[in-house]
Amino acid sequence: TTFDEICRGCGRSVVEVAHWVSMS
């Protein structure tokens, strides 16, 4: 996420990555 808040590998935002395990 060097250049923005979106992961260049999976396309998720930093928040989505951080909360993935608790998301419905």
mmCIF file of all heavy atoms, coordinates in Angstrom:
data_MODEL
# 
_entry.id   MODEL 
# 
loop_
_atom_site.group_PDB 
_atom_site.id 
_atom_site.type_symbol 
_atom_site.label_atom_id 
_atom_site.label_alt_id 
_atom_site.label_comp_id 
_atom_site.label_asym_id 
_atom_site.label_entity_id 
_atom_site.label_seq_id 
_atom_site.pdbx_PDB_ins_code 
_atom_site.Cartn_x 
_atom_site.Cartn_y 
_atom_site.Cartn_z 
_atom_site.occupancy 
_atom_site.B_iso_or_equiv 
_atom_site.pdbx_formal_charge 
_atom_site.auth_seq_id 
_atom_site.auth_comp_id 
_atom_site.auth_asym_id 
_atom_site.auth_atom_id 
_atom_site.pdbx_PDB_model_num 
ATOM 1   N N   . THR A 1 1  ? 0.851   -1.186  0.000  1.00 0.00 ? 1  THR A N   1 
ATOM 2   C CA  . THR A 1 1  ? 0.000   0.000   0.000  1.00 0.00 ? 1  THR A CA  1 
ATOM 3   C C   . THR A 1 1  ? 0.888   1.237   0.000  1.00 0.00 ? 1  THR A C   1 
ATOM 4   O O   . THR A 1 1  ? 0.563   2.253   0.582  1.00 0.00 ? 1  THR A O   1 
ATOM 5   C CB  . THR A 1 1  ? -0.943  0.005   1.221  1.00 0.00 ? 1  THR A CB  1 
ATOM 6   O OG1 . THR A 1 1  ? -0.157  -0.148  2.403  1.00 0.00 ? 1  THR A OG1 1 
ATOM 7   C CG2 . THR A 1 1  ? -1.966  -1.101  1.136  1.00 0.00 ? 1  THR A CG2 1 
ATOM 8   N N   . THR A 1 2  ? 2.015   1.149   -0.696 1.00 0.00 ? 2  THR A N   1 
ATOM 9   C CA  . THR A 1 2  ? 3.011   2.212   -0.707 1.00 0.00 ? 2  THR A CA  1 
ATOM 10  C C   . THR A 1 2  ? 2.477   3.537   -1.238 1.00 0.00 ? 2  THR A C   1 
ATOM 11  O O   . THR A 1 2  ? 2.765   4.578   -0.698 1.00 0.00 ? 2  THR A O   1 
ATOM 12  C CB  . THR A 1 2  ? 4.229   1.786   -1.552 1.00 0.00 ? 2  THR A CB  1 
ATOM 13  O OG1 . THR A 1 2  ? 4.749   0.569   -1.012 1.00 0.00 ? 2  THR A OG1 1 
ATOM 14  C CG2 . THR A 1 2  ? 5.328   2.840   -1.527 1.00 0.00 ? 2  THR A CG2 1 
ATOM 15  N N   . PHE A 1 3  ? 1.696   3.503   -2.309 1.00 0.00 ? 3  PHE A N   1 
ATOM 16  C CA  . PHE A 1 3  ? 1.292   4.738   -2.963 1.00 0.00 ? 3  PHE A CA  1 
ATOM 17  C C   . PHE A 1 3  ? -0.107  5.218   -2.609 1.00 0.00 ? 3  PHE A C   1 
ATOM 18  O O   . PHE A 1 3  ? -0.462  6.351   -2.872 1.00 0.00 ? 3  PHE A O   1 
ATOM 19  C CB  . PHE A 1 3  ? 1.417   4.577   -4.479 1.00 0.00 ? 3  PHE A CB  1 
ATOM 20  C CG  . PHE A 1 3  ? 2.823   4.226   -4.894 1.00 0.00 ? 3  PHE A CG  1 
ATOM 21  C CD1 . PHE A 1 3  ? 3.127   2.954   -5.330 1.00 0.00 ? 3  PHE A CD1 1 
ATOM 22  C CD2 . PHE A 1 3  ? 3.845   5.160   -4.797 1.00 0.00 ? 3  PHE A CD2 1 
ATOM 23  C CE1 . PHE A 1 3  ? 4.425   2.614   -5.690 1.00 0.00 ? 3  PHE A CE1 1 
ATOM 24  C CE2 . PHE A 1 3  ? 5.140   4.831   -5.154 1.00 0.00 ? 3  PHE A CE2 1 
ATOM 25  C CZ  . PHE A 1 3  ? 5.428   3.562   -5.599 1.00 0.00 ? 3  PHE A CZ  1 
ATOM 26  N N   . ASP A 1 4  ? -0.924  4.327   -2.050 1.00 0.00 ? 4  ASP A N   1 
ATOM 27  C CA  . ASP A 1 4  ? -2.274  4.722   -1.647 1.00 0.00 ? 4  ASP A CA  1 
ATOM 28  C C   . ASP A 1 4  ? -2.802  3.721   -0.626 1.00 0.00 ? 4  ASP A C   1 
ATOM 29  O O   . ASP A 1 4  ? -2.051  2.927   -0.099 1.00 0.00 ? 4  ASP A O   1 
ATOM 30  C CB  . ASP A 1 4  ? -3.215  4.849   -2.851 1.00 0.00 ? 4  ASP A CB  1 
ATOM 31  C CG  . ASP A 1 4  ? -3.309  3.569   -3.667 1.00 0.00 ? 4  ASP A CG  1 
ATOM 32  O OD1 . ASP A 1 4  ? -3.129  2.469   -3.104 1.00 0.00 ? 4  ASP A OD1 1 
ATOM 33  O OD2 . ASP A 1 4  ? -3.575  3.667   -4.877 1.00 0.00 ? 4  ASP A OD2 1 
ATOM 34  N N   . GLU A 1 5  ? -4.085  3.747   -0.372 1.00 0.00 ? 5  GLU A N   1 
ATOM 35  C CA  . GLU A 1 5  ? -4.699  2.895   0.655  1.00 0.00 ? 5  GLU A CA  1 
ATOM 36  C C   . GLU A 1 5  ? -5.201  1.564   0.107  1.00 0.00 ? 5  GLU A C   1 
ATOM 37  O O   . GLU A 1 5  ? -5.887  0.841   0.808  1.00 0.00 ? 5  GLU A O   1 
ATOM 38  C CB  . GLU A 1 5  ? -5.857  3.647   1.316  1.00 0.00 ? 5  GLU A CB  1 
ATOM 39  C CG  . GLU A 1 5  ? -5.417  4.872   2.090  1.00 0.00 ? 5  GLU A CG  1 
ATOM 40  C CD  . GLU A 1 5  ? -4.663  4.517   3.363  1.00 0.00 ? 5  GLU A CD  1 
ATOM 41  O OE1 . GLU A 1 5  ? -5.141  3.662   4.127  1.00 0.00 ? 5  GLU A OE1 1 
ATOM 42  O OE2 . GLU A 1 5  ? -3.584  5.088   3.583  1.00 0.00 ? 5  GLU A OE2 1 
ATOM 43  N N   . ILE A 1 6  ? -4.875  1.246   -1.160 1.00 0.00 ? 6  ILE A N   1 
ATOM 44  C CA  . ILE A 1 6  ? -5.341  0.012   -1.787 1.00 0.00 ? 6  ILE A CA  1 
ATOM 45  C C   . ILE A 1 6  ? -4.160  -0.932  -1.987 1.00 0.00 ? 6  ILE A C   1 
ATOM 46  O O   . ILE A 1 6  ? -3.130  -0.548  -2.541 1.00 0.00 ? 6  ILE A O   1 
ATOM 47  C CB  . ILE A 1 6  ? -6.013  0.294   -3.154 1.00 0.00 ? 6  ILE A CB  1 
ATOM 48  C CG1 . ILE A 1 6  ? -7.190  1.257   -2.982 1.00 0.00 ? 6  ILE A CG1 1 
ATOM 49  C CG2 . ILE A 1 6  ? -6.440  -0.994  -3.835 1.00 0.00 ? 6  ILE A CG2 1 
ATOM 50  C CD1 . ILE A 1 6  ? -8.316  0.748   -2.103 1.00 0.00 ? 6  ILE A CD1 1 
ATOM 51  N N   . CYS A 1 7  ? -4.317  -2.175  -1.564 1.00 0.00 ? 7  CYS A N   1 
ATOM 52  C CA  . CYS A 1 7  ? -3.266  -3.169  -1.728 1.00 0.00 ? 7  CYS A CA  1 
ATOM 53  C C   . CYS A 1 7  ? -3.087  -3.470  -3.211 1.00 0.00 ? 7  CYS A C   1 
ATOM 54  O O   . CYS A 1 7  ? -4.049  -3.773  -3.911 1.00 0.00 ? 7  CYS A O   1 
ATOM 55  C CB  . CYS A 1 7  ? -3.601  -4.450  -0.968 1.00 0.00 ? 7  CYS A CB  1 
ATOM 56  S SG  . CYS A 1 7  ? -2.357  -5.747  -1.205 1.00 0.00 ? 7  CYS A SG  1 
ATOM 57  N N   . ARG A 1 8  ? -1.854  -3.428  -3.692 1.00 0.00 ? 8  ARG A N   1 
ATOM 58  C CA  . ARG A 1 8  ? -1.565  -3.670  -5.104 1.00 0.00 ? 8  ARG A CA  1 
ATOM 59  C C   . ARG A 1 8  ? -1.718  -5.143  -5.472 1.00 0.00 ? 8  ARG A C   1 
ATOM 60  O O   . ARG A 1 8  ? -1.792  -5.481  -6.647 1.00 0.00 ? 8  ARG A O   1 
ATOM 61  C CB  . ARG A 1 8  ? -0.163  -3.184  -5.425 1.00 0.00 ? 8  ARG A CB  1 
ATOM 62  C CG  . ARG A 1 8  ? -0.028  -1.686  -5.253 1.00 0.00 ? 8  ARG A CG  1 
ATOM 63  C CD  . ARG A 1 8  ? 1.409   -1.230  -5.399 1.00 0.00 ? 8  ARG A CD  1 
ATOM 64  N NE  . ARG A 1 8  ? 1.967   -1.597  -6.684 1.00 0.00 ? 8  ARG A NE  1 
ATOM 65  C CZ  . ARG A 1 8  ? 2.086   -0.787  -7.724 1.00 0.00 ? 8  ARG A CZ  1 
ATOM 66  N NH1 . ARG A 1 8  ? 1.671   0.461   -7.600 1.00 0.00 ? 8  ARG A NH1 1 
ATOM 67  N NH2 . ARG A 1 8  ? 2.610   -1.187  -8.851 1.00 0.00 ? 8  ARG A NH2 1 
ATOM 68  N N   . GLY A 1 9  ? -1.771  -6.024  -4.490 1.00 0.00 ? 9  GLY A N   1 
ATOM 69  C CA  . GLY A 1 9  ? -1.928  -7.450  -4.763 1.00 0.00 ? 9  GLY A CA  1 
ATOM 70  C C   . GLY A 1 9  ? -3.375  -7.897  -4.799 1.00 0.00 ? 9  GLY A C   1 
ATOM 71  O O   . GLY A 1 9  ? -3.820  -8.530  -5.747 1.00 0.00 ? 9  GLY A O   1 
ATOM 72  N N   . CYS A 1 10 ? -4.134  -7.543  -3.753 1.00 0.00 ? 10 CYS A N   1 
ATOM 73  C CA  . CYS A 1 10 ? -5.506  -8.063  -3.666 1.00 0.00 ? 10 CYS A CA  1 
ATOM 74  C C   . CYS A 1 10 ? -6.578  -7.029  -3.981 1.00 0.00 ? 10 CYS A C   1 
ATOM 75  O O   . CYS A 1 10 ? -7.728  -7.390  -4.207 1.00 0.00 ? 10 CYS A O   1 
ATOM 76  C CB  . CYS A 1 10 ? -5.773  -8.666  -2.285 1.00 0.00 ? 10 CYS A CB  1 
ATOM 77  S SG  . CYS A 1 10 ? -5.862  -7.466  -0.945 1.00 0.00 ? 10 CYS A SG  1 
ATOM 78  N N   . GLY A 1 11 ? -6.237  -5.758  -3.976 1.00 0.00 ? 11 GLY A N   1 
ATOM 79  C CA  . GLY A 1 11 ? -7.218  -4.726  -4.312 1.00 0.00 ? 11 GLY A CA  1 
ATOM 80  C C   . GLY A 1 11 ? -8.078  -4.243  -3.161 1.00 0.00 ? 11 GLY A C   1 
ATOM 81  O O   . GLY A 1 11 ? -8.925  -3.383  -3.341 1.00 0.00 ? 11 GLY A O   1 
ATOM 82  N N   . ARG A 1 12 ? -7.856  -4.806  -1.963 1.00 0.00 ? 12 ARG A N   1 
ATOM 83  C CA  . ARG A 1 12 ? -8.644  -4.360  -0.813 1.00 0.00 ? 12 ARG A CA  1 
ATOM 84  C C   . ARG A 1 12 ? -8.030  -3.114  -0.203 1.00 0.00 ? 12 ARG A C   1 
ATOM 85  O O   . ARG A 1 12 ? -6.832  -2.869  -0.296 1.00 0.00 ? 12 ARG A O   1 
ATOM 86  C CB  . ARG A 1 12 ? -8.693  -5.447  0.259  1.00 0.00 ? 12 ARG A CB  1 
ATOM 87  C CG  . ARG A 1 12 ? -9.447  -6.682  -0.166 1.00 0.00 ? 12 ARG A CG  1 
ATOM 88  C CD  . ARG A 1 12 ? -9.406  -7.751  0.893  1.00 0.00 ? 12 ARG A CD  1 
ATOM 89  N NE  . ARG A 1 12 ? -8.040  -8.247  1.066  1.00 0.00 ? 12 ARG A NE  1 
ATOM 90  C CZ  . ARG A 1 12 ? -7.653  -9.040  2.061  1.00 0.00 ? 12 ARG A CZ  1 
ATOM 91  N NH1 . ARG A 1 12 ? -8.520  -9.415  2.994  1.00 0.00 ? 12 ARG A NH1 1 
ATOM 92  N NH2 . ARG A 1 12 ? -6.405  -9.459  2.132  1.00 0.00 ? 12 ARG A NH2 1 
ATOM 93  N N   . SER A 1 13 ? -8.877  -2.339  0.453  1.00 0.00 ? 13 SER A N   1 
ATOM 94  C CA  . SER A 1 13 ? -8.376  -1.180  1.185  1.00 0.00 ? 13 SER A CA  1 
ATOM 95  C C   . SER A 1 13 ? -7.684  -1.650  2.461  1.00 0.00 ? 13 SER A C   1 
ATOM 96  O O   . SER A 1 13 ? -7.873  -2.793  2.904  1.00 0.00 ? 13 SER A O   1 
ATOM 97  C CB  . SER A 1 13 ? -9.531  -0.235  1.550  1.00 0.00 ? 13 SER A CB  1 
ATOM 98  O OG  . SER A 1 13 ? -10.346 -0.831  2.546  1.00 0.00 ? 13 SER A OG  1 
ATOM 99  N N   . VAL A 1 14 ? -6.916  -0.772  3.050  1.00 0.00 ? 14 VAL A N   1 
ATOM 100 C CA  . VAL A 1 14 ? -6.233  -1.092  4.310  1.00 0.00 ? 14 VAL A CA  1 
ATOM 101 C C   . VAL A 1 14 ? -7.259  -1.497  5.373  1.00 0.00 ? 14 VAL A C   1 
ATOM 102 O O   . VAL A 1 14 ? -7.050  -2.450  6.117  1.00 0.00 ? 14 VAL A O   1 
ATOM 103 C CB  . VAL A 1 14 ? -5.388  0.113   4.785  1.00 0.00 ? 14 VAL A CB  1 
ATOM 104 C CG1 . VAL A 1 14 ? -4.831  -0.116  6.167  1.00 0.00 ? 14 VAL A CG1 1 
ATOM 105 C CG2 . VAL A 1 14 ? -4.277  0.402   3.796  1.00 0.00 ? 14 VAL A CG2 1 
ATOM 106 N N   . VAL A 1 15 ? -8.380  -0.804  5.422  1.00 0.00 ? 15 VAL A N   1 
ATOM 107 C CA  . VAL A 1 15 ? -9.436  -1.107  6.399  1.00 0.00 ? 15 VAL A CA  1 
ATOM 108 C C   . VAL A 1 15 ? -10.036 -2.483  6.126  1.00 0.00 ? 15 VAL A C   1 
ATOM 109 O O   . VAL A 1 15 ? -10.259 -3.269  7.047  1.00 0.00 ? 15 VAL A O   1 
ATOM 110 C CB  . VAL A 1 15 ? -10.518 -0.005  6.396  1.00 0.00 ? 15 VAL A CB  1 
ATOM 111 C CG1 . VAL A 1 15 ? -11.710 -0.399  7.248  1.00 0.00 ? 15 VAL A CG1 1 
ATOM 112 C CG2 . VAL A 1 15 ? -9.929  1.315   6.858  1.00 0.00 ? 15 VAL A CG2 1 
ATOM 113 N N   . GLU A 1 16 ? -10.292 -2.797  4.857  1.00 0.00 ? 16 GLU A N   1 
ATOM 114 C CA  . GLU A 1 16 ? -10.844 -4.110  4.511  1.00 0.00 ? 16 GLU A CA  1 
ATOM 115 C C   . GLU A 1 16 ? -9.893  -5.234  4.900  1.00 0.00 ? 16 GLU A C   1 
ATOM 116 O O   . GLU A 1 16 ? -10.315 -6.265  5.422  1.00 0.00 ? 16 GLU A O   1 
ATOM 117 C CB  . GLU A 1 16 ? -11.164 -4.184  3.021  1.00 0.00 ? 16 GLU A CB  1 
ATOM 118 C CG  . GLU A 1 16 ? -12.337 -3.321  2.634  1.00 0.00 ? 16 GLU A CG  1 
ATOM 119 C CD  . GLU A 1 16 ? -12.474 -3.101  1.147  1.00 0.00 ? 16 GLU A CD  1 
ATOM 120 O OE1 . GLU A 1 16 ? -11.493 -3.282  0.390  1.00 0.00 ? 16 GLU A OE1 1 
ATOM 121 O OE2 . GLU A 1 16 ? -13.594 -2.736  0.731  1.00 0.00 ? 16 GLU A OE2 1 
ATOM 122 N N   . VAL A 1 17 ? -8.602  -5.042  4.655  1.00 0.00 ? 17 VAL A N   1 
ATOM 123 C CA  . VAL A 1 17 ? -7.608  -6.051  5.038  1.00 0.00 ? 17 VAL A CA  1 
ATOM 124 C C   . VAL A 1 17 ? -7.619  -6.236  6.552  1.00 0.00 ? 17 VAL A C   1 
ATOM 125 O O   . VAL A 1 17 ? -7.659  -7.356  7.057  1.00 0.00 ? 17 VAL A O   1 
ATOM 126 C CB  . VAL A 1 17 ? -6.198  -5.658  4.547  1.00 0.00 ? 17 VAL A CB  1 
ATOM 127 C CG1 . VAL A 1 17 ? -5.136  -6.586  5.128  1.00 0.00 ? 17 VAL A CG1 1 
ATOM 128 C CG2 . VAL A 1 17 ? -6.129  -5.669  3.021  1.00 0.00 ? 17 VAL A CG2 1 
ATOM 129 N N   . ALA A 1 18 ? -7.617  -5.135  7.281  1.00 0.00 ? 18 ALA A N   1 
ATOM 130 C CA  . ALA A 1 18 ? -7.557  -5.185  8.748  1.00 0.00 ? 18 ALA A CA  1 
ATOM 131 C C   . ALA A 1 18 ? -8.791  -5.845  9.354  1.00 0.00 ? 18 ALA A C   1 
ATOM 132 O O   . ALA A 1 18 ? -8.689  -6.538  10.369 1.00 0.00 ? 18 ALA A O   1 
ATOM 133 C CB  . ALA A 1 18 ? -7.396  -3.777  9.317  1.00 0.00 ? 18 ALA A CB  1 
ATOM 134 N N   . HIS A 1 19 ? -9.954  -5.660  8.738  1.00 0.00 ? 19 HIS A N   1 
ATOM 135 C CA  . HIS A 1 19 ? -11.206 -6.171  9.314  1.00 0.00 ? 19 HIS A CA  1 
ATOM 136 C C   . HIS A 1 19 ? -11.733 -7.433  8.640  1.00 0.00 ? 19 HIS A C   1 
ATOM 137 O O   . HIS A 1 19 ? -12.816 -7.898  8.980  1.00 0.00 ? 19 HIS A O   1 
ATOM 138 C CB  . HIS A 1 19 ? -12.280 -5.088  9.263  1.00 0.00 ? 19 HIS A CB  1 
ATOM 139 C CG  . HIS A 1 19 ? -11.963 -3.884  10.102 1.00 0.00 ? 19 HIS A CG  1 
ATOM 140 N ND1 . HIS A 1 19 ? -11.191 -3.919  11.225 1.00 0.00 ? 19 HIS A ND1 1 
ATOM 141 C CD2 . HIS A 1 19 ? -12.315 -2.589  9.967  1.00 0.00 ? 19 HIS A CD2 1 
ATOM 142 C CE1 . HIS A 1 19 ? -11.086 -2.718  11.743 1.00 0.00 ? 19 HIS A CE1 1 
ATOM 143 N NE2 . HIS A 1 19 ? -11.751 -1.885  10.997 1.00 0.00 ? 19 HIS A NE2 1 
ATOM 144 N N   . TRP A 1 20 ? -10.982 -7.977  7.694  1.00 0.00 ? 20 TRP A N   1 
ATOM 145 C CA  . TRP A 1 20 ? -11.470 -9.104  6.897  1.00 0.00 ? 20 TRP A CA  1 
ATOM 146 C C   . TRP A 1 20 ? -11.996 -10.250 7.751  1.00 0.00 ? 20 TRP A C   1 
ATOM 147 O O   . TRP A 1 20 ? -13.059 -10.788 7.485  1.00 0.00 ? 20 TRP A O   1 
ATOM 148 C CB  . TRP A 1 20 ? -10.369 -9.594  5.962  1.00 0.00 ? 20 TRP A CB  1 
ATOM 149 C CG  . TRP A 1 20 ? -10.856 -10.606 4.974  1.00 0.00 ? 20 TRP A CG  1 
ATOM 150 C CD1 . TRP A 1 20 ? -10.667 -11.958 5.035  1.00 0.00 ? 20 TRP A CD1 1 
ATOM 151 C CD2 . TRP A 1 20 ? -11.619 -10.361 3.801  1.00 0.00 ? 20 TRP A CD2 1 
ATOM 152 N NE1 . TRP A 1 20 ? -11.263 -12.565 3.961  1.00 0.00 ? 20 TRP A NE1 1 
ATOM 153 C CE2 . TRP A 1 20 ? -11.857 -11.602 3.182  1.00 0.00 ? 20 TRP A CE2 1 
ATOM 154 C CE3 . TRP A 1 20 ? -12.126 -9.215  3.192  1.00 0.00 ? 20 TRP A CE3 1 
ATOM 155 C CZ2 . TRP A 1 20 ? -12.575 -11.720 1.998  1.00 0.00 ? 20 TRP A CZ2 1 
ATOM 156 C CZ3 . TRP A 1 20 ? -12.833 -9.337  2.018  1.00 0.00 ? 20 TRP A CZ3 1 
ATOM 157 C CH2 . TRP A 1 20 ? -13.059 -10.577 1.434  1.00 0.00 ? 20 TRP A CH2 1 
ATOM 158 N N   . VAL A 1 21 ? -11.257 -10.645 8.783  1.00 0.00 ? 21 VAL A N   1 
ATOM 159 C CA  . VAL A 1 21 ? -11.659 -11.808 9.582  1.00 0.00 ? 21 VAL A CA  1 
ATOM 160 C C   . VAL A 1 21 ? -12.969 -11.579 10.338 1.00 0.00 ? 21 VAL A C   1 
ATOM 161 O O   . VAL A 1 21 ? -13.669 -12.533 10.649 1.00 0.00 ? 21 VAL A O   1 
ATOM 162 C CB  . VAL A 1 21 ? -10.552 -12.272 10.555 1.00 0.00 ? 21 VAL A CB  1 
ATOM 163 C CG1 . VAL A 1 21 ? -9.336  -12.745 9.792  1.00 0.00 ? 21 VAL A CG1 1 
ATOM 164 C CG2 . VAL A 1 21 ? -10.183 -11.180 11.525 1.00 0.00 ? 21 VAL A CG2 1 
ATOM 165 N N   . SER A 1 22 ? -13.311 -10.330 10.610 1.00 0.00 ? 22 SER A N   1 
ATOM 166 C CA  . SER A 1 22 ? -14.536 -10.060 11.355 1.00 0.00 ? 22 SER A CA  1 
ATOM 167 C C   . SER A 1 22 ? -15.693 -9.615  10.457 1.00 0.00 ? 22 SER A C   1 
ATOM 168 O O   . SER A 1 22 ? -16.798 -9.394  10.943 1.00 0.00 ? 22 SER A O   1 
ATOM 169 C CB  . SER A 1 22 ? -14.281 -9.000  12.431 1.00 0.00 ? 22 SER A CB  1 
ATOM 170 O OG  . SER A 1 22 ? -13.890 -7.782  11.843 1.00 0.00 ? 22 SER A OG  1 
ATOM 171 N N   . MET A 1 23 ? -15.469 -9.525  9.157  1.00 0.00 ? 23 MET A N   1 
ATOM 172 C CA  . MET A 1 23 ? -16.525 -9.111  8.232  1.00 0.00 ? 23 MET A CA  1 
ATOM 173 C C   . MET A 1 23 ? -17.518 -10.245 8.013  1.00 0.00 ? 23 MET A C   1 
ATOM 174 O O   . MET A 1 23 ? -17.154 -11.423 8.045  1.00 0.00 ? 23 MET A O   1 
ATOM 175 C CB  . MET A 1 23 ? -15.919 -8.692  6.882  1.00 0.00 ? 23 MET A CB  1 
ATOM 176 C CG  . MET A 1 23 ? -15.141 -7.395  6.936  1.00 0.00 ? 23 MET A CG  1 
ATOM 177 S SD  . MET A 1 23 ? -14.251 -7.034  5.399  1.00 0.00 ? 23 MET A SD  1 
ATOM 178 C CE  . MET A 1 23 ? -15.601 -6.722  4.278  1.00 0.00 ? 23 MET A CE  1 
ATOM 179 N N   . SER A 1 24 ? -18.761 -9.895  7.762  1.00 0.00 ? 24 SER A N   1 
ATOM 180 C CA  . SER A 1 24 ? -19.786 -10.898 7.446  1.00 0.00 ? 24 SER A CA  1 
ATOM 181 C C   . SER A 1 24 ? -19.505 -11.461 6.050  1.00 0.00 ? 24 SER A C   1 
ATOM 182 O O   . SER A 1 24 ? -18.809 -10.832 5.234  1.00 0.00 ? 24 SER A O   1 
ATOM 183 C CB  . SER A 1 24 ? -21.174 -10.269 7.475  1.00 0.00 ? 24 SER A CB  1 
ATOM 184 O OG  . SER A 1 24 ? -21.341 -9.396  6.372  1.00 0.00 ? 24 SER A OG  1 
# 
